[in-house]
């Protein structure tokens, strides 16, 4: 530790730790290092011979009332709620998590009957035994769960408990199904560990299996036979049953990332015919079990890091709306059978690095598709050849996707994109990466190349790794009633070493061009001298709140009008 004084904080400790194993010396005579531990289990401190234990006391009544009022909002000032609101706050026992949770549940509720019902539930709830959860905490959290607006919201809340503790949960996982905290990423949420413990208990009471079931549990059919949800994150090798006899099952989530040798038998789905959601990670199969075609009610199928080679059988699942493959490195072809899935709303092949063929005519059949994500996988789009047979899909097929709102693809040849790709006005987000730019010159016909007039409703624009790009768009043929990207909110330009200017041409004053831009990110634009030319490009950045510049850059001039 040297001569400096050091503070080491170990948060949320649940078992005895040996300081030496962490590189923290504890011999007598060693000074300069203080270790602070937090835990909800006093036995941990006893086992470690902690020198001084400081208990965090509950909030005093006045602070409790102040916190509760802050979370409830102005409705707490209603005269008819004054006395009962104070009683509800007292039933939270001075516990911050209870005060915050109940306060948020009652926010905006002006009916005295609702408050009386809440008070009755807090007073009348029976004590439950949940490991690591105080009895005084359960009742307020259960009340908040009961007060969620509808069954759908309660299902989303319980669904979050199926993920491991302290994990950031991608919002994409929640799209189709809330006591949530902001995750470390704006696209994630996180569940407080106490809230999660309560949610797991509630889920178990409602016949759902949490993520802590062991390999022994799976040998007992009665353990899962009546479940509606099953979530499993095994820490050891699990022997799955030959047949999963769970006729009431609606959701099955198996994450086998800790032990990749789990096998799934062909008969596995024989008795789960009402399954709606199936998510499998790190399962060792080259082809899906034959009985998967019995899942006539399956709406979502998500496969990640599976050694899957053939996916033709999925074409039998005509009800699927969400089909996602992530990092399935053995898939080589999107076969014609997948074209039968005409109800698809989301199709994803992210990071499926071996995907080299998309059979022509398949993608154009997904007329209800809203999201297509293929970054890190297929990039061999071909040109349409006047009725002649091609090996791969053409970009022209994207024109059949009238409901498409999100597009993420890679293209080898920008010239092909400029000739064939016409994007729908409904697209609000796209990430198009040009892997091999053979020719790009946006002077003169640039707007036609990008088909600028058809993407005016785009809110997110991301360009990267286009080594020959000199101009982003041409503005010489713009309809000035609409301007250039008037609703664009996020613009990212990365690794464009020859980019000289964003717009090649004038921008008229009052055209609302880039008027809604909120975030601008620039990385390694060594040839760019200015963002917009002050002499003939009138851009008002009145909504710009964030600018990020990184890498080897020259000085940029930014002019505000």
Protein backbone atom coordinates (compact mmCIF):
# COMPACT_ATOMS: atom_id res chain seq x y z
CA UNK A 1 0.00 0.00 0.00
CA UNK A 2 3.04 2.24 0.30
CA UNK A 3 3.05 5.30 2.55
CA UNK A 4 -0.35 6.65 1.41
CA UNK A 5 -3.51 6.10 3.40
CA UNK A 6 -5.96 3.95 1.45
CA UNK A 7 -9.69 3.32 1.84
CA UNK A 8 -11.05 0.10 0.30
CA UNK A 9 -14.86 -0.20 0.07
CA UNK A 10 -16.42 -3.65 -0.33
CA UNK A 11 -20.14 -3.19 -0.92
CA UNK A 12 -22.98 -5.69 -0.46
CA UNK A 13 -20.90 -8.55 0.99
CA UNK A 14 -22.75 -11.82 1.61
CA UNK A 15 -20.05 -14.24 2.71
CA UNK A 16 -16.80 -14.26 4.65
CA UNK A 17 -13.90 -12.76 2.73
CA UNK A 18 -10.20 -13.41 3.29
CA UNK A 19 -8.47 -10.07 2.95
CA UNK A 20 -5.13 -11.58 1.95
CA UNK A 21 -6.81 -13.24 -1.05
CA UNK A 22 -7.85 -9.76 -2.18
CA UNK A 23 -4.33 -8.43 -1.79
CA UNK A 24 -5.13 -6.51 1.38
CA UNK A 25 -2.54 -7.15 4.14
CA UNK A 26 -3.96 -7.64 7.63
CA UNK A 27 -0.81 -8.45 9.64
CA UNK A 28 -0.27 -6.53 12.82
CA UNK A 29 1.87 -3.46 12.30
CA UNK A 30 0.60 -2.82 8.76
CA UNK A 31 -1.00 0.61 8.72
CA UNK A 32 -2.40 3.00 6.17
CA UNK A 33 -5.26 0.83 4.85
CA UNK A 34 -8.85 0.97 6.07
CA UNK A 35 -11.45 -1.49 4.79
CA UNK A 36 -15.14 -0.55 4.83
CA UNK A 37 -17.67 -3.33 4.26
CA UNK A 38 -21.43 -3.09 3.83
CA UNK A 39 -23.78 -6.01 4.27
CA UNK A 40 -27.34 -6.81 5.24
CA UNK A 41 -26.15 -9.92 7.08
CA UNK A 42 -24.60 -9.30 10.51
CA UNK A 43 -23.24 -12.87 10.55
CA UNK A 44 -20.77 -11.84 7.84
CA UNK A 45 -19.24 -9.31 10.23
CA UNK A 46 -19.08 -11.85 13.06
CA UNK A 47 -17.29 -14.37 10.83
CA UNK A 48 -14.69 -11.81 9.79
CA UNK A 49 -13.96 -10.38 13.24
CA UNK A 50 -14.79 -6.85 12.13
CA UNK A 51 -13.33 -4.29 14.55
CA UNK A 52 -16.26 -1.90 14.52
CA UNK A 53 -19.83 -2.42 13.33
CA UNK A 54 -22.02 0.62 12.60
CA UNK A 55 -25.69 -0.12 12.09
CA UNK A 56 -27.57 2.12 9.69
CA UNK A 57 -30.57 3.36 11.63
CA UNK A 58 -34.00 3.93 10.18
CA UNK A 59 -34.97 7.49 9.28
CA UNK A 60 -36.48 9.63 12.02
CA UNK A 61 -40.15 10.48 11.62
CA UNK A 62 -39.64 14.00 10.25
CA UNK A 63 -37.15 12.84 7.59
CA UNK A 64 -39.38 9.91 6.70
CA UNK A 65 -42.32 12.24 6.16
CA UNK A 66 -40.23 14.62 4.03
CA UNK A 67 -39.00 11.77 1.78
CA UNK A 68 -42.48 10.27 1.49
CA UNK A 69 -44.05 13.61 0.53
CA UNK A 70 -41.37 14.19 -2.08
CA UNK A 71 -42.20 10.89 -3.81
CA UNK A 72 -45.99 11.20 -3.57
CA UNK A 73 -46.15 14.70 -5.00
CA UNK A 74 -48.72 17.45 -4.64
CA UNK A 75 -51.73 15.18 -4.14
CA UNK A 76 -50.55 14.60 -0.56
CA UNK A 77 -51.64 18.17 0.22
CA UNK A 78 -55.31 17.26 -0.28
CA UNK A 79 -57.14 17.95 2.99
CA UNK A 80 -59.02 14.62 3.00
CA UNK A 81 -55.70 12.70 2.73
CA UNK A 82 -53.71 14.48 5.44
CA UNK A 83 -54.17 12.07 8.35
CA UNK A 84 -54.24 8.85 6.36
CA UNK A 85 -51.10 9.83 4.44
CA UNK A 86 -49.20 10.22 7.69
CA UNK A 87 -50.39 6.77 8.80
CA UNK A 88 -49.23 5.20 5.53
CA UNK A 89 -45.83 6.85 5.94
CA UNK A 90 -45.51 5.52 9.49
CA UNK A 91 -46.25 1.98 8.27
CA UNK A 92 -43.10 2.23 6.13
CA UNK A 93 -41.15 2.00 9.41
CA UNK A 94 -38.59 4.64 8.44
CA UNK A 95 -37.08 2.41 5.73
CA UNK A 96 -36.04 4.50 2.68
CA UNK A 97 -36.76 1.76 0.14
CA UNK A 98 -40.27 1.34 1.57
CA UNK A 99 -40.96 5.08 1.68
CA UNK A 100 -39.76 5.60 -1.88
CA UNK A 101 -41.58 2.57 -3.28
CA UNK A 102 -44.93 3.21 -1.61
CA UNK A 103 -44.67 6.93 -2.29
CA UNK A 104 -44.19 6.34 -6.00
CA UNK A 105 -47.05 3.81 -6.06
CA UNK A 106 -49.44 6.41 -4.58
CA UNK A 107 -48.19 9.35 -6.63
CA UNK A 108 -51.09 11.25 -8.14
CA UNK A 109 -53.71 9.12 -6.34
CA UNK A 110 -56.30 11.51 -4.88
CA UNK A 111 -58.96 8.95 -3.97
CA UNK A 112 -59.26 8.36 -0.22
CA UNK A 113 -60.41 4.81 -0.92
CA UNK A 114 -57.10 4.01 -2.64
CA UNK A 115 -55.14 5.34 0.33
CA UNK A 116 -57.33 3.43 2.79
CA UNK A 117 -56.80 0.25 0.79
CA UNK A 118 -53.03 0.83 0.82
CA UNK A 119 -53.03 1.36 4.57
CA UNK A 120 -55.08 -1.78 5.12
CA UNK A 121 -52.68 -3.83 3.00
CA UNK A 122 -49.65 -2.49 4.88
CA UNK A 123 -51.22 -3.26 8.25
CA UNK A 124 -52.87 -6.53 7.40
CA UNK A 125 -50.20 -8.31 5.34
CA UNK A 126 -48.87 -11.52 6.82
CA UNK A 127 -45.18 -11.83 7.59
CA UNK A 128 -43.15 -13.83 5.07
CA UNK A 129 -39.72 -15.39 5.29
CA UNK A 130 -37.53 -14.26 2.38
CA UNK A 131 -33.76 -14.66 2.76
CA UNK A 132 -31.92 -11.34 3.12
CA UNK A 133 -35.17 -9.30 3.12
CA UNK A 134 -36.54 -7.61 6.22
CA UNK A 135 -40.16 -8.45 6.99
CA UNK A 136 -40.90 -4.71 7.17
CA UNK A 137 -39.70 -4.29 3.58
CA UNK A 138 -41.81 -7.00 1.95
CA UNK A 139 -45.23 -5.47 2.63
CA UNK A 140 -44.48 -2.06 1.02
CA UNK A 141 -42.84 -3.66 -2.01
CA UNK A 142 -45.73 -6.09 -2.45
CA UNK A 143 -48.14 -3.17 -2.18
CA UNK A 144 -46.27 -1.31 -4.90
CA UNK A 145 -46.40 -4.40 -7.10
CA UNK A 146 -50.15 -4.73 -6.55
CA UNK A 147 -50.60 -1.07 -7.44
CA UNK A 148 -48.99 -1.41 -10.86
CA UNK A 149 -51.50 -0.27 -13.44
CA UNK A 150 -52.27 -3.55 -15.17
CA UNK A 151 -51.35 -7.20 -15.54
CA UNK A 152 -48.93 -6.36 -18.36
CA UNK A 153 -46.91 -4.01 -16.14
CA UNK A 154 -46.80 -6.61 -13.35
CA UNK A 155 -45.54 -9.19 -15.82
CA UNK A 156 -42.73 -6.85 -16.95
CA UNK A 157 -41.73 -6.35 -13.31
CA UNK A 158 -41.62 -10.07 -12.56
CA UNK A 159 -39.84 -10.75 -15.85
CA UNK A 160 -36.96 -8.53 -14.72
CA UNK A 161 -36.46 -10.75 -11.66
CA UNK A 162 -35.60 -13.64 -13.97
CA UNK A 163 -32.23 -12.07 -14.74
CA UNK A 164 -29.18 -12.54 -12.48
CA UNK A 165 -28.61 -10.16 -9.60
CA UNK A 166 -27.01 -6.77 -10.40
CA UNK A 167 -27.11 -7.37 -14.15
CA UNK A 168 -28.01 -4.55 -16.54
CA UNK A 169 -31.14 -5.66 -18.41
CA UNK A 170 -31.38 -4.64 -22.04
CA UNK A 171 -34.56 -2.77 -22.88
CA UNK A 172 -34.82 -4.97 -25.96
CA UNK A 173 -35.58 -7.90 -23.66
CA UNK A 174 -38.56 -5.98 -22.28
CA UNK A 175 -39.98 -4.73 -25.57
CA UNK A 176 -42.73 -7.32 -25.73
CA UNK A 177 -43.60 -7.89 -22.03
CA UNK A 178 -41.66 -1.59 -12.74
CA UNK A 179 -39.57 -0.74 -9.67
CA UNK A 180 -36.51 -0.25 -11.91
CA UNK A 181 -33.28 1.72 -11.57
CA UNK A 182 -31.33 3.32 -14.41
CA UNK A 183 -28.65 0.97 -15.66
CA UNK A 184 -25.12 2.03 -16.53
CA UNK A 185 -26.28 2.36 -20.11
CA UNK A 186 -29.23 4.40 -21.37
CA UNK A 187 -30.53 1.26 -23.10
CA UNK A 188 -30.67 -0.79 -19.92
CA UNK A 189 -32.46 -0.91 -16.60
CA UNK A 190 -31.46 -2.50 -13.33
CA UNK A 191 -33.43 -4.02 -10.47
CA UNK A 192 -32.53 -3.26 -6.85
CA UNK A 193 -31.40 -6.51 -5.22
CA UNK A 194 -34.00 -6.28 -2.44
CA UNK A 195 -36.74 -5.57 -4.96
CA UNK A 196 -35.51 -8.54 -6.99
CA UNK A 197 -35.67 -10.86 -3.97
CA UNK A 198 -39.27 -9.84 -3.38
CA UNK A 199 -40.10 -10.24 -7.07
CA UNK A 200 -38.66 -13.76 -7.09
CA UNK A 201 -40.78 -14.63 -4.07
CA UNK A 202 -43.92 -13.23 -5.71
CA UNK A 203 -43.12 -15.10 -8.92
CA UNK A 204 -42.70 -18.36 -7.02
CA UNK A 205 -46.08 -17.82 -5.34
CA UNK A 206 -47.63 -17.39 -8.77
CA UNK A 207 -46.16 -20.63 -10.07
CA UNK A 208 -43.04 -19.31 -11.77
CA UNK A 209 -39.48 -20.56 -11.30
CA UNK A 210 -36.73 -18.06 -10.51
CA UNK A 211 -33.11 -18.16 -11.69
CA UNK A 212 -31.76 -20.11 -8.71
CA UNK A 213 -33.01 -23.60 -9.49
CA UNK A 214 -30.32 -26.26 -9.33
CA UNK A 215 -29.57 -29.36 -11.35
CA UNK A 216 -31.27 -31.48 -8.68
CA UNK A 217 -34.53 -29.58 -9.16
CA UNK A 218 -34.69 -30.62 -12.80
CA UNK A 219 -34.77 -34.28 -11.85
CA UNK A 220 -38.07 -33.64 -10.05
CA UNK A 221 -40.92 -33.26 -12.50
CA UNK A 222 -43.19 -31.81 -9.82
CA UNK A 223 -40.74 -28.93 -9.49
CA UNK A 224 -41.66 -27.46 -12.87
CA UNK A 225 -44.82 -29.23 -14.08
CA UNK A 226 -47.19 -26.43 -13.03
CA UNK A 227 -44.92 -23.47 -13.83
CA UNK A 228 -45.86 -20.70 -16.25
CA UNK A 229 -42.36 -19.15 -16.37
CA UNK A 230 -39.02 -20.90 -16.02
CA UNK A 231 -35.71 -19.03 -15.88
CA UNK A 232 -32.45 -20.90 -15.37
CA UNK A 233 -28.87 -19.65 -15.06
CA UNK A 234 -27.09 -22.85 -13.96
CA UNK A 235 -23.71 -22.62 -12.26
CA UNK A 236 -23.00 -26.31 -12.90
CA UNK A 237 -23.77 -28.93 -15.51
CA UNK A 238 -27.51 -29.48 -15.79
CA UNK A 239 -29.09 -32.64 -17.15
CA UNK A 240 -32.24 -31.43 -18.85
CA UNK A 241 -35.20 -33.84 -18.86
CA UNK A 242 -35.85 -35.72 -22.08
CA UNK A 243 -39.32 -34.17 -22.15
CA UNK A 244 -40.11 -30.92 -20.37
CA UNK A 245 -43.53 -31.83 -18.99
CA UNK A 246 -44.83 -28.33 -18.30
CA UNK A 247 -48.14 -27.91 -20.14
CA UNK A 248 -48.81 -24.49 -18.54
CA UNK A 249 -45.42 -23.05 -19.50
CA UNK A 250 -45.49 -19.70 -21.31
CA UNK A 251 -41.87 -18.54 -20.99
CA UNK A 252 -38.61 -20.52 -20.94
CA UNK A 253 -35.26 -18.81 -20.50
CA UNK A 254 -32.07 -20.91 -20.21
CA UNK A 255 -28.69 -19.17 -20.00
CA UNK A 256 -26.02 -21.84 -19.97
CA UNK A 257 -23.02 -19.51 -20.22
CA UNK A 258 -21.34 -21.07 -17.17
CA UNK A 259 -21.53 -24.63 -18.50
CA UNK A 260 -21.70 -25.08 -22.27
CA UNK A 261 -22.21 -28.85 -22.36
CA UNK A 262 -25.95 -28.92 -21.77
CA UNK A 263 -27.80 -31.05 -24.31
CA UNK A 264 -31.42 -30.78 -25.43
CA UNK A 265 -33.24 -33.90 -26.64
CA UNK A 266 -35.42 -34.04 -29.74
CA UNK A 267 -38.52 -34.74 -27.62
CA UNK A 268 -37.87 -31.81 -25.26
CA UNK A 269 -40.78 -29.57 -26.34
CA UNK A 270 -43.32 -32.36 -26.65
CA UNK A 271 -45.36 -31.19 -23.62
CA UNK A 272 -44.91 -27.38 -23.81
CA UNK A 273 -47.20 -26.61 -26.71
CA UNK A 274 -48.47 -23.31 -25.26
CA UNK A 275 -45.01 -21.76 -24.98
CA UNK A 276 -44.94 -18.07 -26.06
CA UNK A 277 -41.33 -17.03 -25.38
CA UNK A 278 -38.19 -19.16 -25.77
CA UNK A 279 -34.71 -17.77 -25.07
CA UNK A 280 -31.65 -20.06 -25.17
CA UNK A 281 -28.00 -19.12 -24.65
CA UNK A 282 -24.95 -21.36 -25.02
CA UNK A 283 -26.87 -24.54 -25.81
CA UNK A 284 -24.87 -27.25 -27.62
CA UNK A 285 -26.94 -28.26 -30.62
CA UNK A 286 -26.29 -28.09 -34.35
CA UNK A 287 -29.99 -28.28 -35.12
CA UNK A 288 -33.03 -27.45 -33.05
CA UNK A 289 -35.07 -30.26 -31.44
CA UNK A 290 -37.65 -31.65 -33.87
CA UNK A 291 -40.45 -31.02 -31.39
CA UNK A 292 -39.91 -27.25 -31.60
CA UNK A 293 -42.25 -27.28 -34.59
CA UNK A 294 -45.05 -28.19 -32.17
CA UNK A 295 -44.86 -24.73 -30.57
CA UNK A 296 -47.73 -23.24 -32.54
CA UNK A 297 -48.17 -20.33 -30.11
CA UNK A 298 -44.52 -19.25 -29.99
CA UNK A 299 -44.20 -15.48 -30.45
CA UNK A 300 -40.55 -14.86 -29.53
CA UNK A 301 -37.53 -17.05 -30.26
CA UNK A 302 -34.12 -15.79 -29.18
CA UNK A 303 -30.94 -17.82 -29.63
CA UNK A 304 -27.51 -16.57 -28.55
CA UNK A 305 -24.09 -18.24 -28.71
CA UNK A 306 -25.63 -21.52 -29.86
CA UNK A 307 -23.70 -23.91 -32.13
CA UNK A 308 -26.64 -23.94 -34.51
CA UNK A 309 -26.10 -24.72 -38.20
CA UNK A 310 -29.54 -25.41 -39.65
CA UNK A 311 -32.53 -23.15 -38.96
CA UNK A 312 -34.93 -24.36 -41.66
CA UNK A 313 -37.28 -25.96 -39.14
CA UNK A 314 -38.11 -22.53 -37.72
CA UNK A 315 -40.14 -21.92 -40.88
CA UNK A 316 -42.83 -24.15 -39.34
CA UNK A 317 -43.42 -21.63 -36.52
CA UNK A 318 -45.83 -19.39 -38.40
CA UNK A 319 -46.92 -17.41 -35.30
CA UNK A 320 -43.42 -15.98 -34.53
CA UNK A 321 -43.18 -12.19 -34.36
CA UNK A 322 -39.68 -11.80 -32.88
CA UNK A 323 -36.82 -13.94 -34.21
CA UNK A 324 -33.35 -13.13 -32.92
CA UNK A 325 -30.00 -14.84 -33.52
CA UNK A 326 -26.98 -13.30 -31.81
CA UNK A 327 -23.43 -14.60 -32.12
CA UNK A 328 -24.57 -17.94 -33.57
CA UNK A 329 -21.34 -18.36 -35.49
CA UNK A 330 -22.22 -21.54 -37.38
CA UNK A 331 -25.27 -20.27 -39.26
CA UNK A 332 -24.32 -19.88 -42.92
CA UNK A 333 -27.66 -19.33 -44.66
CA UNK A 334 -31.02 -17.66 -44.22
CA UNK A 335 -33.02 -20.37 -46.03
CA UNK A 336 -36.25 -19.99 -48.04
CA UNK A 337 -38.28 -21.71 -45.29
CA UNK A 338 -37.86 -18.63 -43.06
CA UNK A 339 -39.86 -16.66 -45.64
CA UNK A 340 -43.01 -18.35 -44.31
CA UNK A 341 -42.80 -16.23 -41.15
CA UNK A 342 -44.95 -13.44 -42.54
CA UNK A 343 -45.90 -12.16 -39.06
CA UNK A 344 -42.33 -11.21 -38.19
CA UNK A 345 -41.90 -7.77 -36.64
CA UNK A 346 -38.24 -8.13 -35.61
CA UNK A 347 -35.54 -10.15 -37.36
CA UNK A 348 -32.00 -10.13 -36.01
CA UNK A 349 -28.76 -11.82 -37.09
CA UNK A 350 -26.28 -9.72 -35.11
CA UNK A 351 -22.68 -10.95 -35.09
CA UNK A 352 -23.51 -14.19 -36.92
CA UNK A 353 -20.13 -13.97 -38.62
CA UNK A 354 -20.56 -17.01 -40.90
CA UNK A 355 -23.85 -15.91 -42.44
CA UNK A 356 -22.87 -15.60 -46.10
CA UNK A 357 -26.11 -16.25 -47.95
CA UNK A 358 -29.59 -14.76 -47.77
CA UNK A 359 -31.78 -16.54 -50.29
CA UNK A 360 -33.31 -14.02 -52.74
CA UNK A 361 -36.97 -13.23 -52.14
CA UNK A 362 -37.02 -14.15 -48.45
CA UNK A 363 -36.65 -10.72 -46.86
CA UNK A 364 -39.22 -9.11 -49.14
CA UNK A 365 -41.88 -11.44 -47.70
CA UNK A 366 -41.65 -9.90 -44.23
CA UNK A 367 -44.19 -7.19 -45.00
CA UNK A 368 -44.95 -6.59 -41.28
CA UNK A 369 -41.27 -6.28 -40.31
CA UNK A 370 -40.45 -3.24 -38.15
CA UNK A 371 -36.81 -3.97 -37.24
CA UNK A 372 -34.05 -5.63 -39.27
CA UNK A 373 -30.68 -6.02 -37.53
CA UNK A 374 -27.76 -7.68 -39.32
CA UNK A 375 -24.63 -5.87 -38.12
CA UNK A 376 -21.62 -8.16 -37.91
CA UNK A 377 -23.08 -10.81 -40.20
CA UNK A 378 -24.32 -10.83 -43.80
CA UNK A 379 -22.92 -8.15 -46.09
CA UNK A 380 -23.12 -9.73 -49.57
CA UNK A 381 -26.07 -7.81 -50.96
CA UNK A 382 -26.31 -8.09 -54.76
CA UNK A 383 -27.71 -5.94 -57.53
CA UNK A 384 -31.02 -6.90 -59.07
CA UNK A 385 -30.37 -8.28 -62.57
CA UNK A 386 -33.62 -7.76 -64.51
CA UNK A 387 -35.19 -11.08 -63.70
CA UNK A 388 -31.97 -13.05 -63.78
CA UNK A 389 -31.32 -15.37 -60.86
CA UNK A 390 -28.92 -14.16 -58.17
CA UNK A 391 -27.29 -16.01 -55.30
CA UNK A 392 -28.14 -13.44 -52.61
CA UNK A 393 -30.81 -10.94 -51.66
CA UNK A 394 -30.78 -7.47 -53.17
CA UNK A 395 -31.12 -4.16 -51.37
CA UNK A 396 -34.15 -3.53 -53.53
CA UNK A 397 -36.05 -6.07 -51.39
CA UNK A 398 -36.01 -3.57 -48.51
CA UNK A 399 -38.57 -1.49 -50.42
CA UNK A 400 -41.17 -4.17 -49.68
CA UNK A 401 -40.81 -3.59 -45.94
CA UNK A 402 -43.39 -0.83 -45.64
CA UNK A 403 -43.49 -0.91 -41.83
CA UNK A 404 -39.71 -0.85 -41.27
CA UNK A 405 -38.68 1.59 -38.52
CA UNK A 406 -35.17 0.35 -37.66
CA UNK A 407 -32.52 -0.84 -40.12
CA UNK A 408 -29.04 -2.05 -39.18
CA UNK A 409 -27.06 -3.63 -42.02
CA UNK A 410 -23.59 -3.81 -43.57
CA UNK A 411 -22.92 -3.24 -47.28
CA UNK A 412 -19.70 -3.92 -49.13
CA UNK A 413 -20.25 -1.53 -52.03
CA UNK A 414 -21.61 1.98 -51.49
CA UNK A 415 -22.29 2.34 -55.23
CA UNK A 416 -24.74 -0.55 -54.96
CA UNK A 417 -26.48 1.19 -52.09
CA UNK A 418 -26.76 4.46 -53.99
CA UNK A 419 -28.32 2.73 -56.99
CA UNK A 420 -30.72 0.33 -55.30
CA UNK A 421 -31.57 1.44 -51.78
CA UNK A 422 -34.64 3.61 -51.26
CA UNK A 423 -35.56 3.87 -47.58
CA UNK A 424 -39.08 4.26 -46.24
CA UNK A 425 -40.11 7.52 -44.61
CA UNK A 426 -41.12 5.52 -41.52
CA UNK A 427 -37.51 4.64 -40.67
CA UNK A 428 -36.47 6.62 -37.58
CA UNK A 429 -33.27 4.77 -36.77
CA UNK A 430 -30.68 3.14 -38.96
CA UNK A 431 -27.07 2.05 -38.80
CA UNK A 432 -25.68 1.36 -42.27
CA UNK A 433 -22.01 0.44 -42.43
CA UNK A 434 -20.09 0.37 -45.68
CA UNK A 435 -17.44 -2.30 -45.38
CA UNK A 436 -15.70 -1.83 -48.72
CA UNK A 437 -16.19 1.59 -50.32
CA UNK A 438 -15.25 1.28 -53.98
CA UNK A 439 -16.40 4.73 -55.13
CA UNK A 440 -18.06 7.62 -53.31
CA UNK A 441 -18.36 11.21 -54.45
CA UNK A 442 -21.35 13.14 -53.16
CA UNK A 443 -20.72 16.28 -55.19
CA UNK A 444 -23.64 17.04 -57.45
CA UNK A 445 -25.74 13.87 -57.11
CA UNK A 446 -25.03 13.23 -53.45
CA UNK A 447 -28.60 13.67 -52.28
CA UNK A 448 -29.81 11.17 -54.87
CA UNK A 449 -27.18 8.70 -53.75
CA UNK A 450 -28.39 8.92 -50.14
CA UNK A 451 -32.00 9.42 -51.24
CA UNK A 452 -32.13 12.29 -48.78
CA UNK A 453 -35.75 13.23 -49.47
CA UNK A 454 -36.95 9.84 -48.22
CA UNK A 455 -35.19 9.83 -44.85
CA UNK A 456 -36.20 13.24 -43.56
CA UNK A 457 -37.86 11.69 -40.50
CA UNK A 458 -34.66 10.01 -39.35
CA UNK A 459 -33.79 10.79 -35.73
CA UNK A 460 -30.50 8.88 -35.47
CA UNK A 461 -27.73 8.99 -38.10
CA UNK A 462 -24.48 7.03 -37.76
CA UNK A 463 -21.67 7.01 -40.33
CA UNK A 464 -18.38 5.25 -39.71
CA UNK A 465 -15.37 3.69 -41.45
CA UNK A 466 -15.99 5.09 -44.92
CA UNK A 467 -12.41 5.86 -45.90
CA UNK A 468 -13.11 7.58 -49.26
CA UNK A 469 -16.11 9.68 -48.27
CA UNK A 470 -15.55 13.40 -48.95
CA UNK A 471 -19.02 14.87 -48.48
CA UNK A 472 -21.94 13.58 -46.48
CA UNK A 473 -24.87 15.00 -48.48
CA UNK A 474 -25.49 17.41 -51.31
CA UNK A 475 -28.01 20.16 -50.55
CA UNK A 476 -28.28 21.64 -54.03
CA UNK A 477 -31.63 19.96 -54.79
CA UNK A 478 -33.33 20.15 -51.40
CA UNK A 479 -36.97 21.22 -50.99
CA UNK A 480 -36.37 24.10 -48.58
CA UNK A 481 -39.85 23.82 -47.10
CA UNK A 482 -38.51 20.84 -45.16
CA UNK A 483 -34.78 21.52 -44.91
CA UNK A 484 -31.99 19.05 -44.26
CA UNK A 485 -32.76 16.48 -41.53
CA UNK A 486 -35.17 18.76 -39.63
CA UNK A 487 -36.00 16.08 -37.01
CA UNK A 488 -32.50 14.59 -36.67
CA UNK A 489 -31.57 14.32 -32.97
CA UNK A 490 -28.31 12.34 -32.98
CA UNK A 491 -25.45 12.56 -35.50
CA UNK A 492 -22.31 10.44 -35.19
CA UNK A 493 -19.36 10.63 -37.60
CA UNK A 494 -16.50 8.24 -36.94
CA UNK A 495 -13.34 7.25 -38.81
CA UNK A 496 -14.00 9.28 -41.98
CA UNK A 497 -10.43 10.46 -42.71
CA UNK A 498 -11.27 12.19 -46.00
CA UNK A 499 -14.51 13.88 -45.01
CA UNK A 500 -14.12 17.56 -45.93
CA UNK A 501 -17.61 18.88 -45.21
CA UNK A 502 -20.97 17.68 -44.02
CA UNK A 503 -23.09 19.48 -46.61
CA UNK A 504 -21.98 20.16 -50.18
CA UNK A 505 -24.04 23.18 -51.08
CA UNK A 506 -26.01 26.04 -49.51
CA UNK A 507 -28.46 25.82 -46.63
CA UNK A 508 -31.03 28.58 -46.62
CA UNK A 509 -31.93 30.52 -43.48
CA UNK A 510 -35.20 29.51 -41.85
CA UNK A 511 -35.18 26.05 -43.43
CA UNK A 512 -35.08 24.23 -40.06
CA UNK A 513 -32.05 22.27 -41.25
CA UNK A 514 -30.53 20.29 -38.36
CA UNK A 515 -32.78 22.40 -36.11
CA UNK A 516 -33.64 19.49 -33.80
CA UNK A 517 -30.08 18.18 -33.43
CA UNK A 518 -29.36 17.44 -29.75
CA UNK A 519 -26.20 15.34 -29.77
CA UNK A 520 -23.17 15.50 -32.09
CA UNK A 521 -20.27 13.04 -31.84
CA UNK A 522 -17.10 13.34 -33.95
CA UNK A 523 -14.23 10.85 -34.03
CA UNK A 524 -11.07 11.08 -36.17
CA UNK A 525 -12.17 13.47 -38.92
CA UNK A 526 -8.71 14.75 -39.88
CA UNK A 527 -9.78 16.47 -43.13
CA UNK A 528 -12.81 18.32 -41.75
CA UNK A 529 -12.19 22.06 -41.31
CA UNK A 530 -15.69 23.18 -40.34
CA UNK A 531 -19.01 21.56 -39.58
CA UNK A 532 -21.07 24.08 -41.52
CA UNK A 533 -19.80 26.94 -43.66
CA UNK A 534 -20.91 30.22 -42.11
CA UNK A 535 -20.98 31.98 -45.51
CA UNK A 536 -23.75 30.00 -47.17
CA UNK A 537 -24.92 27.31 -44.74
CA UNK A 538 -27.41 28.75 -42.25
CA UNK A 539 -27.86 26.18 -39.50
CA UNK A 540 -29.57 26.91 -36.19
CA UNK A 541 -28.42 24.53 -33.46
CA UNK A 542 -30.81 25.85 -30.83
CA UNK A 543 -31.48 22.38 -29.38
CA UNK A 544 -27.88 21.17 -29.31
CA UNK A 545 -27.02 20.04 -25.77
CA UNK A 546 -24.05 17.71 -26.25
CA UNK A 547 -20.92 17.84 -28.44
CA UNK A 548 -18.22 15.18 -28.21
CA UNK A 549 -14.95 15.42 -30.18
CA UNK A 550 -12.33 12.71 -29.93
CA UNK A 551 -9.26 11.33 -31.65
CA UNK A 552 -6.83 12.88 -34.11
CA UNK A 553 -8.72 15.97 -35.24
CA UNK A 554 -8.00 19.38 -36.69
CA UNK A 555 -9.76 22.43 -35.27
CA UNK A 556 -13.43 22.67 -36.19
CA UNK A 557 -15.34 25.89 -36.61
CA UNK A 558 -18.90 25.90 -35.30
CA UNK A 559 -21.11 28.85 -36.09
CA UNK A 560 -24.42 29.49 -34.31
CA UNK A 561 -27.06 31.64 -35.98
